[in-house]
Amino acid sequence: MLELKHIHKTFGAKTVADDISLTVADGSLTAILGPSGCGKSTLLNIAAGLVPPDSGEVWIGGENRTDTAAEKRQVALMFQDYALLPHLNVWQNVAFGLKMRGTGAAEARRRAETALAAVGLAAESGRRVDALSGGEQQRVALARALVVQPQLLLLDEPFSSLDTGLRQQLRGQTLAQVRAQNIPAVLVTHDPEEAFALADHLMLMQGGRMVQYGAPDALLQRPADAWAARLMGAINVEDARYIPQQALQFAHPQGQASRVVQSLALPDACRLRVLHPQHGEITLNLGWNEAAGRDIGAGSIWPVRVDEAQIVYF
């Protein structure tokens, strides 16, 4: 378990962590979502021991590690740039941390090969890392991070440079390993889709402060304010209100006549922008089964019902 207790940190006049407390259970992943400069990476570095807090405590596995050196915290990190050693081959990169901890050469190689097999790279153990694709290099980085059996895994936007298919694959493998090793994990990201895909809990940060914390679905159903809703990628957000998708019903007999402004085809839905007589321009996602056979081109008129009881007012 990771426990951050009343962490405070400033750099000059800028506060990057303002009395932040956070608990991450074993086998679960918490995502810290926020814009650049909000303090999320600093918080990760404090947990890793790379940056000392001005005040507060870092507890890992039930022990106070606030004053423990980074190399002795039993923490693994994954970064966007992989940070692999180019003069070592694949299994040697994975075994590097084990050897630094005093593991014998034969045992280090055995454990490295096992870790590579877990991420689907058993056949690549002897290759040079610069001969691997970006996705393969990130899997090597994942194996290297977890082979040392850390008590905490920290992820600093490790998937942002990968294409969509590889991102989804690596996310799934990472989360599976977090569950299998039963360790707490913290992901720093500015991508709401990534946060919702991986996180058991979500923390929203702005200006060094925790703005909101909870299960992703709970936060999306009830954002703290318009800023939080927009940060999570919600649409139909104004300063005073948020109209969630579940509040909208297309072609409803009790709906109000609304003109389609734009119809946009997406892989899993048809996104419509309509001009509603009461709520103005709103966007709704129409499943392809529901869209089939309908004339939903720009200029068409359809009744759209908005469930007032489901609108979130700030």
Protein backbone atom coordinates (compact mmCIF):
# COMPACT_ATOMS: atom_id res chain seq x y z
CA MET A 1 0.00 0.00 0.00
CA LEU A 2 1.10 3.55 -0.76
CA GLU A 3 0.13 6.34 1.60
CA LEU A 4 0.95 9.98 0.96
CA LYS A 5 0.22 11.96 4.11
CA HIS A 6 -0.21 15.75 3.94
CA ILE A 7 2.45 16.25 1.27
CA HIS A 8 3.48 19.86 0.74
CA LYS A 9 6.07 21.06 -1.77
CA THR A 10 7.02 24.43 -3.24
CA PHE A 11 9.57 25.49 -5.83
CA GLY A 12 10.26 29.15 -5.17
CA ALA A 13 6.91 30.94 -5.13
CA LYS A 14 5.07 28.08 -6.85
CA THR A 15 3.22 25.49 -4.77
CA VAL A 16 3.19 22.14 -6.60
CA ALA A 17 1.75 20.01 -3.78
CA ASP A 18 -0.65 21.58 -1.35
CA ASP A 19 -1.44 19.27 1.60
CA ILE A 20 -2.09 16.21 -0.55
CA SER A 21 -3.07 12.92 1.07
CA LEU A 22 -3.62 9.81 -1.03
CA THR A 23 -3.92 6.06 -0.38
CA VAL A 24 -3.42 3.43 -3.09
CA ALA A 25 -4.26 -0.17 -2.15
CA ASP A 26 -2.27 -3.22 -3.20
CA GLY A 27 -3.27 -4.49 -6.63
CA SER A 28 -4.99 -1.26 -7.63
CA LEU A 29 -4.07 1.65 -9.89
CA THR A 30 -4.75 5.31 -9.21
CA ALA A 31 -4.44 7.81 -12.06
CA ILE A 32 -3.46 11.41 -11.42
CA LEU A 33 -5.01 13.53 -14.16
CA GLY A 34 -4.18 17.16 -14.69
CA PRO A 35 -2.76 19.75 -17.09
CA SER A 36 0.96 20.34 -17.56
CA GLY A 37 2.56 22.07 -14.59
CA CYS A 38 -0.15 21.14 -12.09
CA GLY A 39 2.27 19.14 -9.88
CA LYS A 40 1.38 15.57 -10.80
CA SER A 41 4.90 14.52 -11.86
CA THR A 42 6.39 16.18 -8.78
CA LEU A 43 4.06 14.10 -6.62
CA LEU A 44 5.28 10.98 -8.41
CA ASN A 45 8.90 11.99 -7.83
CA ILE A 46 8.22 12.55 -4.15
CA ALA A 47 6.76 9.04 -3.87
CA ALA A 48 9.84 7.68 -5.64
CA GLY A 49 12.25 9.53 -3.39
CA LEU A 50 13.70 11.62 -6.21
CA VAL A 51 12.35 14.87 -4.71
CA PRO A 52 11.97 15.46 -0.95
CA PRO A 53 8.71 16.95 0.33
CA ASP A 54 8.87 20.17 2.33
CA SER A 55 6.53 18.48 4.78
CA GLY A 56 4.41 15.33 4.99
CA GLU A 57 5.22 11.63 4.85
CA VAL A 58 5.51 8.84 2.28
CA TRP A 59 4.52 5.37 3.54
CA ILE A 60 5.08 2.25 1.43
CA GLY A 61 4.11 -1.22 2.57
CA GLY A 62 3.22 0.07 6.03
CA GLU A 63 6.63 1.71 6.59
CA ASN A 64 7.56 5.37 6.65
CA ARG A 65 9.96 5.80 3.68
CA THR A 66 10.03 9.61 3.69
CA ASP A 67 13.74 9.75 4.49
CA THR A 68 14.69 6.52 2.68
CA ALA A 69 16.96 6.95 -0.35
CA ALA A 70 15.32 6.35 -3.73
CA GLU A 71 17.41 3.25 -4.49
CA LYS A 72 16.28 1.63 -1.23
CA ARG A 73 12.54 2.32 -1.49
CA GLN A 74 11.70 -0.77 -3.58
CA VAL A 75 9.92 1.43 -6.10
CA ALA A 76 9.86 0.84 -9.87
CA LEU A 77 9.34 3.61 -12.42
CA MET A 78 8.31 3.62 -16.06
CA PHE A 79 8.79 6.67 -18.24
CA GLN A 80 7.68 7.83 -21.68
CA ASP A 81 11.22 7.55 -23.09
CA TYR A 82 11.79 3.91 -21.94
CA ALA A 83 15.25 4.74 -20.46
CA LEU A 84 16.79 1.48 -21.72
CA LEU A 85 20.56 0.95 -21.81
CA PRO A 86 21.63 0.74 -25.48
CA HIS A 87 24.83 -1.24 -24.82
CA LEU A 88 22.87 -4.11 -23.22
CA ASN A 89 20.57 -6.56 -25.00
CA VAL A 90 16.95 -7.17 -24.02
CA TRP A 91 17.39 -9.66 -21.18
CA GLN A 92 20.41 -7.79 -19.85
CA ASN A 93 18.33 -4.60 -19.61
CA VAL A 94 15.65 -6.46 -17.69
CA ALA A 95 18.22 -8.10 -15.40
CA PHE A 96 20.11 -4.87 -14.71
CA GLY A 97 18.13 -3.90 -11.61
CA LEU A 98 18.43 -7.40 -10.18
CA LYS A 99 22.20 -7.38 -10.54
CA MET A 100 22.37 -3.96 -8.87
CA ARG A 101 20.56 -5.54 -5.92
CA GLY A 102 23.12 -8.33 -5.70
CA THR A 103 21.25 -11.14 -7.46
CA GLY A 104 23.59 -13.73 -9.01
CA ALA A 105 24.04 -13.73 -12.79
CA ALA A 106 22.27 -17.05 -13.45
CA GLU A 107 19.29 -16.20 -11.22
CA ALA A 108 19.06 -12.69 -12.67
CA ARG A 109 18.89 -14.08 -16.20
CA ARG A 110 16.29 -16.70 -15.23
CA ARG A 111 14.05 -14.09 -13.65
CA ALA A 112 14.57 -11.71 -16.58
CA GLU A 113 13.54 -14.40 -19.07
CA THR A 114 10.44 -15.15 -16.99
CA ALA A 115 9.51 -11.45 -16.88
CA LEU A 116 9.96 -11.14 -20.65
CA ALA A 117 7.72 -14.14 -21.22
CA ALA A 118 5.03 -12.46 -19.09
CA VAL A 119 4.96 -9.48 -21.49
CA GLY A 120 5.16 -11.59 -24.65
CA LEU A 121 8.85 -11.07 -25.46
CA ALA A 122 10.34 -14.47 -24.66
CA ALA A 123 11.65 -14.83 -28.22
CA GLU A 124 13.34 -11.42 -28.21
CA SER A 125 15.58 -11.77 -25.15
CA GLY A 126 18.87 -11.76 -27.08
CA ARG A 127 18.10 -8.84 -29.41
CA ARG A 128 19.57 -5.35 -29.19
CA VAL A 129 17.09 -2.92 -27.71
CA ASP A 130 17.64 -0.43 -30.55
CA ALA A 131 16.38 -3.09 -32.97
CA LEU A 132 12.99 -3.22 -31.24
CA SER A 133 9.87 -1.25 -32.07
CA GLY A 134 8.61 1.40 -29.68
CA GLY A 135 5.97 -0.95 -28.29
CA GLU A 136 8.52 -3.71 -27.75
CA GLN A 137 10.88 -1.32 -25.99
CA GLN A 138 8.11 -0.23 -23.66
CA ARG A 139 7.36 -3.88 -22.86
CA VAL A 140 11.04 -4.36 -22.01
CA ALA A 141 10.76 -1.34 -19.71
CA LEU A 142 7.68 -2.89 -18.08
CA ALA A 143 9.45 -6.22 -17.55
CA ARG A 144 12.47 -4.43 -16.10
CA ALA A 145 10.29 -2.42 -13.73
CA LEU A 146 8.45 -5.45 -12.39
CA VAL A 147 11.17 -8.12 -12.34
CA VAL A 148 12.59 -6.67 -9.13
CA GLN A 149 9.22 -7.31 -7.43
CA PRO A 150 8.76 -3.71 -6.28
CA GLN A 151 6.41 -2.62 -3.54
CA LEU A 152 5.17 0.25 -5.72
CA LEU A 153 4.95 0.93 -9.46
CA LEU A 154 5.03 4.53 -10.70
CA LEU A 155 4.07 5.34 -14.31
CA ASP A 156 4.92 8.75 -15.77
CA GLU A 157 2.97 8.93 -19.06
CA PRO A 158 4.67 5.75 -20.36
CA PHE A 159 2.21 5.11 -23.20
CA SER A 160 1.82 8.59 -24.71
CA SER A 161 4.32 8.11 -27.56
CA LEU A 162 2.74 4.85 -28.79
CA ASP A 163 0.08 4.47 -31.46
CA THR A 164 -3.48 3.59 -30.49
CA GLY A 165 -3.23 -0.18 -30.86
CA LEU A 166 0.03 -0.45 -28.92
CA ARG A 167 -1.26 1.87 -26.19
CA GLN A 168 -4.24 -0.38 -25.59
CA GLN A 169 -2.07 -3.50 -25.56
CA LEU A 170 0.53 -2.08 -23.16
CA ARG A 171 -2.11 -0.65 -20.87
CA GLY A 172 -3.73 -4.07 -20.57
CA GLN A 173 -0.43 -5.82 -19.91
CA THR A 174 0.59 -3.26 -17.31
CA LEU A 175 -2.70 -3.49 -15.42
CA ALA A 176 -2.57 -7.30 -15.55
CA GLN A 177 0.89 -7.27 -13.99
CA VAL A 178 -0.21 -4.86 -11.26
CA ARG A 179 -3.02 -7.27 -10.37
CA ALA A 180 -0.81 -10.36 -10.63
CA GLN A 181 1.93 -8.94 -8.40
CA ASN A 182 -0.62 -7.30 -6.08
CA ILE A 183 1.24 -3.99 -5.88
CA PRO A 184 -0.07 -0.43 -5.77
CA ALA A 185 0.45 1.63 -8.93
CA VAL A 186 0.18 5.33 -9.70
CA LEU A 187 -0.21 6.63 -13.25
CA VAL A 188 0.46 10.27 -14.13
CA THR A 189 -1.33 11.34 -17.31
CA HIS A 190 -2.96 14.27 -19.05
CA ASP A 191 -5.09 11.91 -21.18
CA PRO A 192 -8.58 11.32 -19.74
CA GLU A 193 -9.20 8.31 -21.99
CA GLU A 194 -6.09 6.63 -20.59
CA ALA A 195 -7.07 7.43 -17.02
CA PHE A 196 -10.55 5.95 -17.47
CA ALA A 197 -9.16 2.87 -19.23
CA LEU A 198 -6.81 1.95 -16.37
CA ALA A 199 -7.72 3.56 -13.09
CA ASP A 200 -9.57 2.10 -10.14
CA HIS A 201 -9.50 5.59 -8.65
CA LEU A 202 -8.91 8.96 -10.22
CA MET A 203 -7.38 12.07 -8.71
CA LEU A 204 -7.80 15.43 -10.46
CA MET A 205 -5.06 18.00 -9.85
CA GLN A 206 -4.89 21.71 -10.55
CA GLY A 207 -2.28 24.16 -9.28
CA GLY A 208 -0.83 21.68 -6.80
CA ARG A 209 -4.21 20.92 -5.24
CA MET A 210 -6.38 17.83 -5.29
CA VAL A 211 -9.60 19.06 -6.89
CA GLN A 212 -11.52 15.77 -6.80
CA TYR A 213 -10.90 12.10 -6.00
CA GLY A 214 -12.95 8.94 -6.42
CA ALA A 215 -13.95 6.12 -8.73
CA PRO A 216 -13.85 7.31 -12.38
CA ASP A 217 -17.54 6.65 -13.02
CA ALA A 218 -18.54 8.52 -9.86
CA LEU A 219 -16.45 11.53 -10.84
CA LEU A 220 -17.85 11.62 -14.35
CA GLN A 221 -21.42 11.37 -13.05
CA ARG A 222 -20.83 14.21 -10.60
CA PRO A 223 -17.86 16.45 -11.50
CA ALA A 224 -16.89 18.97 -8.84
CA ASP A 225 -17.13 21.85 -11.31
CA ALA A 226 -17.01 22.70 -15.00
CA TRP A 227 -13.19 22.61 -15.02
CA ALA A 228 -13.19 19.05 -13.65
CA ALA A 229 -15.79 17.96 -16.19
CA ARG A 230 -13.78 19.37 -19.09
CA LEU A 231 -10.54 17.84 -17.76
CA MET A 232 -12.19 14.42 -17.84
CA GLY A 233 -13.20 14.93 -21.45
CA ALA A 234 -16.90 15.49 -20.81
CA ILE A 235 -18.94 17.24 -23.50
CA ASN A 236 -22.01 19.47 -23.11
CA VAL A 237 -20.26 21.39 -20.34
CA GLU A 238 -20.98 25.03 -19.53
CA ASP A 239 -19.80 27.00 -16.53
CA ALA A 240 -23.08 26.42 -14.73
CA ARG A 241 -24.08 22.92 -15.87
CA TYR A 242 -23.14 19.61 -17.43
CA ILE A 243 -25.54 17.48 -19.47
CA PRO A 244 -24.31 13.86 -19.41
CA GLN A 245 -25.01 11.46 -22.27
CA GLN A 246 -27.44 9.38 -20.22
CA ALA A 247 -29.68 12.44 -19.91
CA LEU A 248 -30.20 12.58 -23.69
CA GLN A 249 -32.67 10.51 -25.71
CA PHE A 250 -32.81 10.75 -29.48
CA ALA A 251 -36.05 10.46 -31.45
CA HIS A 252 -38.06 10.35 -28.22
CA PRO A 253 -41.82 10.95 -28.59
CA GLN A 254 -41.72 13.44 -25.72
CA GLY A 255 -38.63 15.21 -27.04
CA GLN A 256 -38.44 18.71 -28.49
CA ALA A 257 -37.82 19.27 -32.20
CA SER A 258 -34.10 19.82 -32.68
CA ARG A 259 -32.19 20.57 -35.85
CA VAL A 260 -29.08 18.49 -36.61
CA VAL A 261 -26.14 20.88 -37.03
CA GLN A 262 -23.49 18.23 -37.73
CA SER A 263 -23.32 14.46 -38.10
CA LEU A 264 -19.88 12.93 -37.54
CA ALA A 265 -19.11 9.24 -38.09
CA LEU A 266 -16.91 7.70 -35.38
CA PRO A 267 -15.70 4.07 -35.10
CA ASP A 268 -18.23 3.12 -32.42
CA ALA A 269 -20.94 5.77 -32.74
CA CYS A 270 -22.36 8.61 -34.75
CA ARG A 271 -21.80 11.94 -33.00
CA LEU A 272 -24.55 14.47 -33.54
CA ARG A 273 -24.56 18.16 -32.75
CA VAL A 274 -28.11 19.38 -32.49
CA LEU A 275 -29.71 22.73 -31.76
CA HIS A 276 -32.18 22.16 -28.92
CA PRO A 277 -34.84 24.85 -28.40
CA GLN A 278 -34.37 24.86 -24.61
CA HIS A 279 -30.75 23.88 -24.00
CA GLY A 280 -29.09 25.29 -27.11
CA GLU A 281 -26.41 23.35 -28.96
CA ILE A 282 -25.78 19.93 -27.43
CA THR A 283 -23.83 16.88 -28.57
CA LEU A 284 -25.04 13.31 -28.31
CA ASN A 285 -23.51 10.00 -29.32
CA LEU A 286 -25.87 7.79 -31.28
CA GLY A 287 -25.09 4.07 -31.50
CA TRP A 288 -24.89 2.73 -35.02
CA ASN A 289 -27.82 0.38 -34.44
CA GLU A 290 -29.93 3.35 -33.40
CA ALA A 291 -28.67 5.45 -36.31
CA ALA A 292 -29.33 2.78 -38.95
CA GLY A 293 -31.97 3.75 -41.48
CA ARG A 294 -32.41 7.29 -40.15
CA ASP A 295 -31.86 10.48 -42.10
CA ILE A 296 -29.60 12.25 -39.59
CA GLY A 297 -27.80 14.58 -41.95
CA ALA A 298 -27.25 18.25 -41.22
CA GLY A 299 -30.51 20.16 -41.36
CA SER A 300 -32.76 17.22 -40.46
CA ILE A 301 -35.19 17.67 -37.57
CA TRP A 302 -35.55 15.11 -34.76
CA PRO A 303 -37.18 15.15 -31.31
CA VAL A 304 -34.55 15.12 -28.56
CA ARG A 305 -35.53 14.66 -24.94
CA VAL A 306 -33.33 15.99 -22.13
CA ASP A 307 -33.91 14.47 -18.69
CA GLU A 308 -33.72 17.52 -16.42
CA ALA A 309 -33.23 15.36 -13.34
CA GLN A 310 -29.89 14.10 -14.69
CA ILE A 311 -28.36 17.50 -15.46
CA VAL A 312 -25.49 18.36 -13.11
CA TYR A 313 -25.56 21.98 -11.96
CA PHE A 314 -22.39 23.48 -10.47
